[in-house]
Protein backbone atom coordinates (compact mmCIF):
# COMPACT_ATOMS: atom_id res chain seq x y z
CA UNK A 1 -17.02 21.60 25.52
CA UNK A 2 -14.34 21.97 23.59
CA UNK A 3 -14.87 18.29 22.20
CA UNK A 4 -18.24 19.06 21.81
CA UNK A 5 -17.18 21.24 19.53
CA UNK A 6 -14.55 19.61 17.76
CA UNK A 7 -16.92 16.33 17.31
CA UNK A 8 -19.82 18.13 15.76
CA UNK A 9 -17.29 19.75 13.35
CA UNK A 10 -15.50 16.31 12.15
CA UNK A 11 -18.44 14.57 12.44
CA UNK A 12 -19.24 16.22 9.14
CA UNK A 13 -16.17 15.61 7.63
CA UNK A 14 -15.61 12.15 8.57
CA UNK A 15 -19.53 11.01 7.42
CA UNK A 16 -18.56 12.26 3.76
CA UNK A 17 -18.14 9.63 0.88
CA UNK A 18 -15.00 9.11 -0.93
CA UNK A 19 -14.79 9.95 -3.94
CA UNK A 20 -11.38 8.39 -4.69
CA UNK A 21 -10.26 5.20 -6.14
CA UNK A 22 -7.25 2.55 -6.50
CA UNK A 23 -4.46 4.73 -4.47
CA UNK A 24 -3.57 2.20 -2.89
CA UNK A 25 -1.74 0.86 -5.87
CA UNK A 26 0.42 3.23 -7.33
CA UNK A 27 2.39 6.64 -6.20
CA UNK A 28 0.69 8.32 -8.84
CA UNK A 29 -2.10 10.00 -7.33
CA UNK A 30 -0.73 9.97 -3.99
CA UNK A 31 0.44 13.46 -3.86
CA UNK A 32 -3.03 14.32 -3.86
CA UNK A 33 -3.83 13.12 -0.63
CA UNK A 34 -1.31 14.78 0.68
CA UNK A 35 -2.59 17.17 -0.24
CA UNK A 36 -5.91 16.85 0.81
CA UNK A 37 -4.35 16.62 4.80
CA UNK A 38 -1.94 19.66 4.37
CA UNK A 39 -5.47 21.38 3.37
CA UNK A 40 -7.23 20.01 6.24
CA UNK A 41 -4.12 20.19 8.51
CA UNK A 42 -4.75 24.55 7.19
CA UNK A 43 -7.95 24.23 8.11
CA UNK A 44 -8.57 23.27 10.77
CA UNK A 45 -5.95 25.02 12.48
CA UNK A 46 -7.94 28.22 11.50
CA UNK A 47 -10.89 27.24 12.51
CA UNK A 48 -9.64 25.81 15.76
CA UNK A 49 -7.63 29.57 16.27
CA UNK A 50 -10.29 31.16 15.62
CA UNK A 51 -12.29 29.17 18.08
CA UNK A 52 -9.75 29.42 20.62
CA UNK A 53 -10.40 33.27 21.45
CA UNK A 54 -13.95 32.87 21.65
CA UNK A 55 -13.27 30.50 24.70
CA UNK A 56 -10.44 31.71 26.19
CA UNK A 57 -13.80 34.59 26.25
CA UNK A 58 -15.82 31.80 27.45
CA UNK A 59 -13.34 31.12 29.78
CA UNK A 60 -13.27 34.02 31.34
CA UNK A 61 -16.82 34.31 31.85
CA UNK A 62 -17.71 31.18 33.84
CA UNK A 63 -14.86 31.45 36.29
CA UNK A 64 -16.49 34.68 37.66
CA UNK A 65 -20.54 32.82 36.88
CA UNK A 66 -18.28 30.18 39.11
CA UNK A 67 -16.53 32.86 41.82
CA UNK A 68 -19.83 33.90 41.90
CA UNK A 69 -21.62 30.53 43.08
CA UNK A 70 -18.98 29.92 45.00
CA UNK A 71 -20.09 33.58 47.19
CA UNK A 72 -23.12 32.11 47.02
CA UNK A 73 -22.13 28.94 48.60
CA UNK A 74 -20.98 30.73 51.97
CA UNK A 75 -24.35 31.83 53.02
CA UNK A 76 -26.88 30.95 49.97
CA UNK A 77 -29.85 32.69 51.81
CA UNK A 78 -27.80 35.84 53.03
CA UNK A 79 -26.99 35.81 48.91
CA UNK A 80 -30.31 36.17 47.49
CA UNK A 81 -31.66 38.34 50.56
CA UNK A 82 -29.39 40.52 48.01
CA UNK A 83 -31.56 42.55 45.24
CA UNK A 84 -28.75 43.06 43.00
CA UNK A 85 -27.56 38.75 43.48
CA UNK A 86 -31.56 38.57 42.27
CA UNK A 87 -31.24 40.57 39.67
CA UNK A 88 -28.06 39.36 38.01
CA UNK A 89 -28.88 35.69 38.43
CA UNK A 90 -31.97 36.21 36.71
CA UNK A 91 -30.65 37.90 33.69
CA UNK A 92 -27.70 35.38 33.42
CA UNK A 93 -30.06 32.91 33.38
CA UNK A 94 -32.88 34.49 30.84
CA UNK A 95 -29.70 35.86 28.94
CA UNK A 96 -26.67 34.80 29.27
CA UNK A 97 -26.95 31.70 29.09
CA UNK A 98 -28.87 31.86 25.92
CA UNK A 99 -25.73 34.15 24.41
CA UNK A 100 -23.41 31.64 25.93
CA UNK A 101 -25.26 29.03 23.89
CA UNK A 102 -26.05 30.87 20.67
CA UNK A 103 -21.73 31.52 20.61
CA UNK A 104 -20.96 27.46 21.18
CA UNK A 105 -23.20 26.50 18.44
CA UNK A 106 -21.70 29.12 15.88
CA UNK A 107 -18.17 27.82 16.82
CA UNK A 108 -19.86 24.23 16.06
CA UNK A 109 -20.72 26.22 12.59
CA UNK A 110 -17.65 27.38 12.03
CA UNK A 111 -16.03 23.22 12.59
CA UNK A 112 -17.89 22.30 9.64
CA UNK A 113 -16.05 20.64 7.25
CA UNK A 114 -18.79 20.27 4.27
CA UNK A 115 -17.17 23.32 2.39
CA UNK A 116 -14.10 21.34 2.19
CA UNK A 117 -16.49 19.41 -1.00
CA UNK A 118 -16.63 22.09 -3.04
CA UNK A 119 -12.15 22.75 -3.50
CA UNK A 120 -12.59 18.97 -5.22
CA UNK A 121 -10.99 17.31 -2.03
CA UNK A 122 -9.40 13.50 -2.94
CA UNK A 123 -9.86 10.82 0.11
CA UNK A 124 -9.28 7.45 0.06
CA UNK A 125 -11.69 4.43 -0.19
CA UNK A 126 -12.21 1.54 1.83
CA UNK A 127 -10.74 -0.59 -0.49
CA UNK A 128 -7.86 2.07 -0.62
CA UNK A 129 -7.16 1.47 3.19
CA UNK A 130 -7.35 -2.32 2.93
CA UNK A 131 -4.79 -2.03 -0.29
CA UNK A 132 -2.53 -0.84 1.86
CA UNK A 133 -3.44 -2.72 4.47
CA UNK A 134 -2.59 -6.07 2.30
CA UNK A 135 0.56 -4.81 1.32
CA UNK A 136 1.85 -3.91 4.55
CA UNK A 137 1.07 -7.89 5.23
CA UNK A 138 2.62 -8.72 1.98
CA UNK A 139 6.06 -6.53 2.67
CA UNK A 140 5.87 -8.14 6.38
CA UNK A 141 5.61 -11.93 4.59
CA UNK A 142 7.91 -11.35 1.56
CA UNK A 143 10.70 -9.85 3.21
CA UNK A 144 10.39 -11.81 6.72
CA UNK A 145 9.88 -8.11 8.56
CA UNK A 146 9.16 -8.18 12.00
CA UNK A 147 6.12 -6.57 13.35
CA UNK A 148 7.51 -4.60 15.96
CA UNK A 149 10.48 -3.12 13.34
CA UNK A 150 7.35 -2.18 10.88
CA UNK A 151 5.33 -0.79 13.67
CA UNK A 152 8.64 1.55 14.66
CA UNK A 153 9.05 2.94 11.08
CA UNK A 154 12.20 -0.05 10.69
CA UNK A 155 12.03 -1.99 7.13
CA UNK A 156 14.91 -3.73 7.10
CA UNK A 157 16.92 -2.38 9.65
CA UNK A 158 16.42 1.34 8.67
CA UNK A 159 14.08 3.73 10.60
CA UNK A 160 12.30 5.65 8.16
CA UNK A 161 9.50 7.46 9.90
CA UNK A 162 7.41 8.08 12.07
CA UNK A 163 6.15 4.77 14.86
CA UNK A 164 2.63 3.52 14.17
CA UNK A 165 0.78 4.20 17.46
CA UNK A 166 -0.93 1.22 19.33
CA UNK A 167 -4.31 2.51 17.60
CA UNK A 168 -2.93 1.98 14.41
CA UNK A 169 -1.21 -1.42 14.48
CA UNK A 170 -5.15 -1.70 16.70
CA UNK A 171 -6.88 -0.13 13.79
CA UNK A 172 -5.00 -2.64 11.64
CA UNK A 173 -5.23 -6.11 13.23
CA UNK A 174 -9.51 -5.88 13.33
CA UNK A 175 -8.98 -3.98 9.46
CA UNK A 176 -7.10 -7.74 8.75
CA UNK A 177 -10.15 -9.42 10.52
CA UNK A 178 -12.66 -8.23 8.76
CA UNK A 179 -10.84 -9.34 6.02
CA UNK A 180 -10.00 -12.99 7.26
CA UNK A 181 -7.00 -13.08 7.58
CA UNK A 182 -6.91 -14.50 10.77
CA UNK A 183 -2.73 -15.45 11.32
CA UNK A 184 -1.66 -11.59 10.62
CA UNK A 185 -4.54 -10.53 12.31
CA UNK A 186 -3.14 -11.83 15.66
CA UNK A 187 0.32 -10.55 15.47
CA UNK A 188 -0.73 -6.53 15.06
CA UNK A 189 -2.85 -7.02 18.16
CA UNK A 190 -0.32 -8.47 20.10
CA UNK A 191 2.12 -5.40 18.76
CA UNK A 192 -1.02 -2.93 19.65
CA UNK A 193 -1.39 -3.97 22.89
CA UNK A 194 2.50 -4.55 24.08
CA UNK A 195 2.14 -0.51 22.97
CA UNK A 196 -0.97 0.31 24.75
CA UNK A 197 1.16 -0.98 27.26
CA UNK A 198 4.13 0.61 27.26
CA UNK A 199 1.90 3.88 26.69
CA UNK A 200 0.11 3.29 30.09
CA UNK A 201 3.64 2.68 32.03
CA UNK A 202 4.75 5.80 30.51
CA UNK A 203 1.93 7.90 31.41
CA UNK A 204 2.32 6.26 35.02
CA UNK A 205 5.78 7.09 35.56
CA UNK A 206 5.00 10.94 34.60
CA UNK A 207 2.44 11.43 36.31
CA UNK A 208 3.65 15.14 36.91
CA UNK A 209 2.97 15.75 32.88
CA UNK A 210 -0.03 16.57 30.88
CA UNK A 211 -2.49 13.33 30.76
CA UNK A 212 -2.30 10.99 27.80
CA UNK A 213 -5.68 9.77 26.60
CA UNK A 214 -6.20 6.21 26.63
CA UNK A 215 -9.20 3.69 24.57
CA UNK A 216 -12.61 6.20 24.22
CA UNK A 217 -15.81 4.34 24.50
CA UNK A 218 -15.38 3.97 20.39
CA UNK A 219 -12.35 1.84 20.66
CA UNK A 220 -13.47 0.16 23.94
CA UNK A 221 -16.44 -1.17 22.61
CA UNK A 222 -14.02 -2.06 19.25
CA UNK A 223 -11.72 -4.22 21.12
CA UNK A 224 -13.83 -6.26 23.75
CA UNK A 225 -16.35 -6.87 19.96
CA UNK A 226 -12.83 -8.49 18.62
CA UNK A 227 -12.00 -10.87 21.25
CA UNK A 228 -15.77 -12.34 21.73
CA UNK A 229 -14.84 -13.03 18.05
CA UNK A 230 -10.95 -13.95 18.60
CA UNK A 231 -12.73 -16.28 21.29
CA UNK A 232 -14.75 -18.38 18.99
CA UNK A 233 -12.28 -18.53 16.39
CA UNK A 234 -9.78 -20.17 19.15
CA UNK A 235 -7.50 -18.21 19.39
CA UNK A 236 -8.51 -17.68 23.68
CA UNK A 237 -4.57 -16.78 24.36
CA UNK A 238 -4.86 -13.15 21.70
CA UNK A 239 -8.26 -13.42 23.02
CA UNK A 240 -7.41 -13.19 26.17
CA UNK A 241 -4.84 -10.40 26.29
CA UNK A 242 -7.12 -8.06 24.15
CA UNK A 243 -9.88 -8.58 26.94
CA UNK A 244 -7.18 -8.07 29.54
CA UNK A 245 -6.49 -4.76 27.82
CA UNK A 246 -9.97 -3.78 27.69
CA UNK A 247 -11.37 -4.62 31.58
CA UNK A 248 -7.43 -2.81 32.75
CA UNK A 249 -9.54 0.90 31.35
CA UNK A 250 -13.22 -0.10 32.23
CA UNK A 251 -13.33 -2.70 34.14
CA UNK A 252 -17.27 -2.46 34.84
CA UNK A 253 -17.29 -4.97 31.48
CA UNK A 254 -16.77 -7.00 33.22
CA UNK A 255 -20.14 -7.91 33.51
CA UNK A 256 -20.44 -8.36 29.85
CA UNK A 257 -18.53 -11.20 29.26
CA UNK A 258 -20.31 -13.86 28.21
CA UNK A 259 -17.46 -15.32 26.25
CA UNK A 260 -18.82 -17.40 22.74
CA UNK A 261 -21.47 -20.13 22.09
CA UNK A 262 -19.79 -23.39 24.66
CA UNK A 263 -21.01 -25.21 22.07
CA UNK A 264 -19.11 -23.94 19.10
CA UNK A 265 -16.21 -25.64 17.82
CA UNK A 266 -13.31 -23.27 17.44
CA UNK A 267 -11.41 -24.12 14.05
CA UNK A 268 -7.78 -25.69 13.62
CA UNK A 269 -5.60 -22.47 14.02
CA UNK A 270 -2.32 -22.22 11.40
CA UNK A 271 0.31 -21.79 13.20
CA UNK A 272 2.41 -20.21 10.62
CA UNK A 273 1.44 -16.34 11.71
CA UNK A 274 3.35 -15.55 7.60
CA UNK A 275 0.63 -17.14 6.02
CA UNK A 276 -2.78 -15.95 5.27
CA UNK A 277 -5.65 -18.29 6.24
CA UNK A 278 -7.48 -17.31 2.86
CA UNK A 279 -4.94 -17.71 1.15
CA UNK A 280 -5.07 -19.60 -2.11
CA UNK A 281 -3.02 -22.98 -2.93
CA UNK A 282 -0.32 -21.23 -5.56
CA UNK A 283 0.36 -18.88 -2.02
CA UNK A 284 1.04 -21.49 -0.23
CA UNK A 285 2.94 -23.57 -2.95
CA UNK A 286 7.03 -24.47 -2.55
CA UNK A 287 7.11 -22.32 -5.93
CA UNK A 288 5.75 -19.54 -4.83
CA UNK A 289 8.09 -20.00 -1.78
CA UNK A 290 10.99 -20.39 -3.82
CA UNK A 291 9.43 -16.77 -5.93
CA UNK A 292 10.27 -15.08 -1.84
CA UNK A 293 13.23 -16.17 -1.12
CA UNK A 294 14.68 -14.96 -4.96
CA UNK A 295 13.27 -11.89 -4.16
CA UNK A 296 14.92 -11.58 -0.56
CA UNK A 297 18.15 -12.01 -2.32
CA UNK A 298 18.61 -15.41 -0.11
CA UNK A 299 19.13 -17.48 -2.65
CA UNK A 300 23.15 -17.83 -4.48
CA UNK A 301 23.26 -19.14 -8.09
CA UNK A 302 26.01 -21.37 -9.45
CA UNK A 303 28.66 -18.96 -11.04
CA UNK A 304 28.66 -19.67 -15.06
CA UNK A 305 32.22 -18.76 -16.60
CA UNK A 306 30.23 -18.46 -19.36
CA UNK A 307 28.41 -15.41 -18.37
CA UNK A 308 30.14 -11.93 -19.11
CA UNK A 309 29.57 -7.94 -18.36
CA UNK A 310 30.71 -6.72 -22.10
CA UNK A 311 30.29 -4.35 -24.62
CA UNK A 312 28.18 -5.16 -27.90
CA UNK A 313 28.13 -4.16 -30.65
CA UNK A 314 24.53 -4.81 -31.42
CA UNK A 315 22.94 -5.13 -35.05
CA UNK A 316 23.76 -1.97 -35.93
CA UNK A 317 26.88 -0.11 -37.70
CA UNK A 318 26.97 2.90 -35.54
CA UNK A 319 27.18 0.45 -32.32
CA UNK A 320 31.46 -0.28 -33.50
CA UNK A 321 31.41 3.37 -32.83
CA UNK A 322 29.58 3.54 -29.52
CA UNK A 323 28.76 0.21 -27.54
CA UNK A 324 26.24 -1.23 -25.81
CA UNK A 325 27.12 -2.53 -21.97
CA UNK A 326 25.72 -6.10 -22.12
CA UNK A 327 25.06 -8.11 -18.63
CA UNK A 328 24.37 -11.61 -19.07
CA UNK A 329 22.15 -13.31 -16.67
CA UNK A 330 21.10 -16.54 -18.45
CA UNK A 331 22.15 -17.39 -21.58
CA UNK A 332 19.38 -20.52 -22.01
CA UNK A 333 16.62 -19.01 -21.51
CA UNK A 334 18.44 -15.74 -22.58
CA UNK A 335 18.26 -13.21 -20.25
CA UNK A 336 20.89 -9.57 -20.55
CA UNK A 337 20.23 -6.24 -19.26
CA UNK A 338 21.71 -3.48 -21.35
CA UNK A 339 22.66 -0.27 -19.14
CA UNK A 340 22.43 3.29 -19.95
CA UNK A 341 19.91 2.82 -22.59
CA UNK A 342 17.60 5.41 -21.90
CA UNK A 343 18.93 9.21 -20.63
CA UNK A 344 17.43 10.80 -17.59
CA UNK A 345 15.35 13.38 -19.20
CA UNK A 346 14.00 11.06 -22.04
CA UNK A 347 12.80 9.35 -18.83
CA UNK A 348 10.99 12.60 -17.60
CA UNK A 349 9.39 12.99 -21.00
CA UNK A 350 7.89 8.96 -20.53
CA UNK A 351 6.71 9.63 -17.54
CA UNK A 352 4.50 13.21 -17.55
CA UNK A 353 2.68 11.19 -21.10
CA UNK A 354 2.03 8.60 -19.10
CA UNK A 355 0.50 10.08 -15.82
CA UNK A 356 -2.63 11.61 -17.24
CA UNK A 357 -3.58 8.00 -18.84
CA UNK A 358 -2.40 6.25 -15.64
CA UNK A 359 -5.39 3.12 -14.61
CA UNK A 360 -4.98 1.02 -12.02
CA UNK A 361 -3.48 -2.63 -13.89
CA UNK A 362 -5.86 -4.92 -14.88
CA UNK A 363 -5.46 -9.46 -15.78
CA UNK A 364 -7.53 -11.11 -17.98
CA UNK A 365 -7.64 -14.69 -16.97
CA UNK A 366 -9.62 -16.24 -19.56
CA UNK A 367 -9.85 -15.96 -23.62
CA UNK A 368 -12.79 -13.32 -25.07
CA UNK A 369 -13.58 -12.03 -21.17
CA UNK A 370 -13.49 -8.89 -19.95
CA UNK A 371 -10.14 -7.56 -17.89
CA UNK A 372 -10.50 -7.69 -14.15
CA UNK A 373 -8.65 -5.96 -11.00
CA UNK A 374 -6.01 -8.63 -9.00
CA UNK A 375 -4.31 -8.67 -5.44
CA UNK A 376 -2.65 -10.71 -8.01
CA UNK A 377 -0.81 -7.72 -9.25
CA UNK A 378 -1.32 -4.27 -7.70
CA UNK A 379 0.07 -1.61 -9.70
CA UNK A 380 -1.24 1.25 -12.27
CA UNK A 381 -0.43 2.10 -15.73
CA UNK A 382 -0.99 3.67 -19.10
CA UNK A 383 -0.89 2.95 -23.03
CA UNK A 384 1.33 4.70 -25.28
CA UNK A 385 1.51 4.91 -29.43
CA UNK A 386 5.13 5.34 -30.27
CA UNK A 387 4.66 6.96 -32.94
CA UNK A 388 2.90 10.09 -30.81
CA UNK A 389 6.49 11.44 -30.02
CA UNK A 390 10.08 10.66 -31.11
CA UNK A 391 11.08 9.05 -27.49
CA UNK A 392 9.51 5.98 -27.78
CA UNK A 393 10.60 5.72 -32.14
CA UNK A 394 13.77 5.70 -30.10
CA UNK A 395 13.82 3.70 -27.92
CA UNK A 396 12.42 0.45 -30.50
CA UNK A 397 15.18 1.75 -32.36
CA UNK A 398 17.52 1.39 -29.82
CA UNK A 399 15.86 -2.42 -28.74
CA UNK A 400 16.17 -2.92 -32.57
CA UNK A 401 19.82 -2.37 -32.51
CA UNK A 402 20.40 -4.24 -29.27
CA UNK A 403 18.56 -7.11 -30.07
CA UNK A 404 18.29 -7.63 -34.40
CA UNK A 405 14.68 -8.88 -33.75
CA UNK A 406 12.12 -7.05 -36.09
CA UNK A 407 9.96 -4.36 -34.06
CA UNK A 408 7.17 -4.44 -36.14
CA UNK A 409 4.38 -5.93 -34.86
CA UNK A 410 4.99 -4.65 -31.31
CA UNK A 411 2.43 -4.20 -28.48
CA UNK A 412 1.55 -0.53 -27.36
CA UNK A 413 4.82 0.71 -25.16
CA UNK A 414 2.92 0.49 -21.03
CA UNK A 415 4.55 2.86 -18.62
CA UNK A 416 3.82 1.10 -15.05
CA UNK A 417 3.98 3.20 -11.41
CA UNK A 418 4.33 0.05 -8.87
CA UNK A 419 3.79 1.95 -5.34
CA UNK A 420 4.44 0.50 -1.60
CA UNK A 421 4.02 -2.82 -1.67
CA UNK A 422 3.03 -3.00 -5.19
CA UNK A 423 3.82 -6.37 -6.88
CA UNK A 424 3.07 -8.59 -9.54
CA UNK A 425 2.95 -12.18 -8.78
CA UNK A 426 4.99 -14.81 -10.62
CA UNK A 427 3.53 -15.56 -14.71
CA UNK A 428 5.12 -16.32 -18.02
CA UNK A 429 4.33 -12.86 -20.51
CA UNK A 430 3.79 -15.73 -23.70
CA UNK A 431 0.49 -15.93 -24.39
CA UNK A 432 -1.05 -20.48 -23.66
CA UNK A 433 -4.09 -20.05 -25.48
CA UNK A 434 -4.17 -18.59 -29.14
CA UNK A 435 -7.15 -16.53 -28.79
CA UNK A 436 -5.21 -13.81 -26.73
CA UNK A 437 -3.30 -12.82 -29.00
CA UNK A 438 -4.04 -11.80 -32.40
CA UNK A 439 -2.43 -14.62 -35.20
CA UNK A 440 -0.88 -12.39 -37.78
CA UNK A 441 1.10 -11.57 -35.08
CA UNK A 442 1.67 -14.23 -32.87
CA UNK A 443 2.60 -15.17 -29.66
CA UNK A 444 5.01 -12.62 -27.60
CA UNK A 445 8.57 -13.65 -28.57
CA UNK A 446 10.37 -11.08 -25.79
CA UNK A 447 10.00 -8.77 -23.82
CA UNK A 448 12.14 -5.81 -22.36
CA UNK A 449 11.55 -3.70 -19.46
CA UNK A 450 12.71 -0.12 -19.87
CA UNK A 451 13.35 0.97 -15.73
CA UNK A 452 12.41 4.37 -15.71
CA UNK A 453 13.74 4.60 -11.48
CA UNK A 454 15.78 3.61 -9.27
CA UNK A 455 14.32 1.93 -6.01
CA UNK A 456 15.02 2.11 -2.64
CA UNK A 457 14.29 -1.72 -1.61
CA UNK A 458 12.86 -3.66 -3.06
CA UNK A 459 11.27 -3.89 -6.67
CA UNK A 460 13.58 -6.65 -8.59
CA UNK A 461 12.26 -8.44 -11.14
CA UNK A 462 12.85 -11.87 -9.70
CA UNK A 463 12.38 -15.38 -12.08
CA UNK A 464 12.59 -17.74 -9.44
CA UNK A 465 13.10 -20.65 -11.12
CA UNK A 466 16.68 -19.25 -12.76
CA UNK A 467 17.34 -17.81 -9.49
CA UNK A 468 17.88 -14.80 -11.13
CA UNK A 469 16.62 -11.63 -9.34
CA UNK A 470 17.34 -7.82 -11.65
CA UNK A 471 17.31 -4.16 -9.54
CA UNK A 472 15.77 -1.68 -11.21
CA UNK A 473 18.42 0.66 -12.29
CA UNK A 474 17.26 4.26 -13.95
CA UNK A 475 17.96 3.58 -17.54
CA UNK A 476 18.86 0.29 -17.82
CA UNK A 477 17.18 -2.72 -20.49
CA UNK A 478 15.66 -6.27 -18.83
CA UNK A 479 15.57 -8.44 -22.50
CA UNK A 480 14.30 -11.68 -22.17
CA UNK A 481 12.60 -14.08 -24.48
CA UNK A 482 9.33 -15.68 -23.99
CA UNK A 483 9.55 -18.74 -26.36
CA UNK A 484 12.12 -20.98 -26.90
CA UNK A 485 14.04 -20.88 -31.08
CA UNK A 486 11.60 -23.70 -32.21
CA UNK A 487 8.39 -20.54 -30.88
CA UNK A 488 7.75 -23.25 -27.98
CA UNK A 489 6.69 -21.70 -24.82
CA UNK A 490 9.44 -21.46 -22.80
CA UNK A 491 8.25 -21.97 -18.87
CA UNK A 492 12.19 -21.17 -17.91
CA UNK A 493 11.04 -18.08 -18.10
CA UNK A 494 8.08 -17.32 -15.29
CA UNK A 495 9.01 -13.77 -13.89
CA UNK A 496 7.51 -11.58 -11.50
CA UNK A 497 7.54 -7.70 -9.28
CA UNK A 498 8.70 -7.82 -5.98
CA UNK A 499 7.05 -6.03 -3.35
CA UNK A 500 8.11 -2.48 -3.49
CA UNK A 501 9.67 -2.32 0.40
CA UNK A 502 10.41 1.22 0.04
CA UNK A 503 10.13 3.75 -2.97
CA UNK A 504 8.36 3.97 -6.29
CA UNK A 505 8.92 1.74 -8.71
CA UNK A 506 8.28 3.12 -12.69
CA UNK A 507 9.04 0.54 -15.76
CA UNK A 508 7.89 0.65 -19.41
CA UNK A 509 7.14 -2.98 -20.90
CA UNK A 510 8.05 -3.63 -24.81
CA UNK A 511 6.20 -6.60 -25.82
CA UNK A 512 7.76 -8.48 -29.41
CA UNK A 513 5.78 -10.73 -31.20
CA UNK A 514 7.01 -13.46 -33.30
CA UNK A 515 6.15 -12.81 -36.51
CA UNK A 516 9.11 -11.29 -39.02
CA UNK A 517 11.42 -12.75 -37.75
CA UNK A 518 12.19 -15.76 -38.94
CA UNK A 519 16.01 -14.20 -40.48
CA UNK A 520 16.40 -12.42 -36.57
CA UNK A 521 15.72 -15.52 -34.58
CA UNK A 522 15.25 -18.47 -37.15
CA UNK A 523 14.68 -22.06 -35.52
CA UNK A 524 17.37 -24.64 -34.90
CA UNK A 525 17.40 -28.41 -36.83
CA UNK A 526 16.06 -30.06 -33.76
CA UNK A 527 12.89 -28.57 -31.94
CA UNK A 528 14.28 -27.46 -28.12
CA UNK A 529 11.45 -26.72 -26.22
CA UNK A 530 11.74 -30.11 -23.85
CA UNK A 531 14.20 -28.88 -21.77
CA UNK A 532 11.28 -26.49 -19.78
CA UNK A 533 8.64 -28.57 -20.30
CA UNK A 534 8.79 -30.10 -16.48
CA UNK A 535 8.43 -26.45 -15.41
CA UNK A 536 4.88 -26.32 -16.37
CA UNK A 537 3.74 -27.64 -13.08
CA UNK A 538 2.98 -26.05 -9.79
CA UNK A 539 4.84 -27.57 -6.96
């Protein structure tokens, strides 16, 4: 009866439409989901406590009736010839049972969660759930994480949170299967079955303990359907393992097993479990593999004596008194970090201004085309006018002092937030097609990334062709030139935002355009673009 009451109450809650969008792409907004679950937990606890009292009353009445039936069972004829017993039996069936049924229905109504809509609570969409699943797989692949450790809440050897249950792992595997990511489906389903095996063994070893729940009928149906699909796709080992678990909990299902179409030829299986079956050619390229190595810190650039960490006087007399802290990563192309350029108070103001304007980041692959969401870039961003706040005016002035560039033609400040698994795959900041930028402003000559947060693990800015990886550090600015002095595109500057493994990454992007830079960065006597032409080819 208790399970029946809970089920009725929760059905309306689970069935309501989702009002959320893109929660998976950023930490911004996730607080709303935490608030939703906190409210639901308190609400459900209140209802459970209230119903527990009613159930205890019902339990007492039910025990009394059962005791009465126990007495009647010893001598039913003697029991039924007693007029008091007959009256009580009639009264119970005519009145008491109707009252108890009404009380159960009232308890079911008390468990109704339809009222949650009135409180403006937020729920993730199917896209959010799939995005979170892909984020886990992306982190697993990029950082070569062991699935068992991820399921145990361990990321790169650090224990952060609670373990995933076998049901969590199974649902993730099934989601990946539906998304046609068959190789990662396999490893997560196997982890699910291993956790279920340990769960079952623990239950048998502690027989005196309260019983633990195994798969319910709905879950068993999902497991059976997934196993059959895997069999038809040619993954016989995983299908067999999954089917054995199903039969372990429901042996009667063996009569349902007519696996697959015998005439259907299974597809050729890819043994590399780290590469999704649906990946495009770029994700399978040597270039992408190099990007992942740089993100993992597996590359060691050759030490060069000309690179230094030093104080810089910049291009303003004030910097003679307060020099800049400059760290050189590369001189050709020029890639440097200016340390401690923005203090925490100003960063807090920037983030406060950006949060209400945050929207899912998009890409525009075609000239004149409409911006669209893409798994290539998972984050949220907001665009802010420099003149709207003195902090942003000061950021441009500091950048001008540090680099000597004219900041007259800059795009609006883009504040972006990358949540767990958030990333931006390798790309160039310059526009290859002139129709993407105003002719009177020119292409993006330089990029400056203001780091508005630290990141516990992952989230670095990687330059795969240069073997450079820069870890976000609060207040620092990463600066580089996208164009040669000849204003040709420098293909060596392809860069990426590595997936955020743990933490939240906030950045402010400033893109400076080439017009008015004639004297700030004059061209050389000879054109200097040929050195980077070979980096325009994906290997």
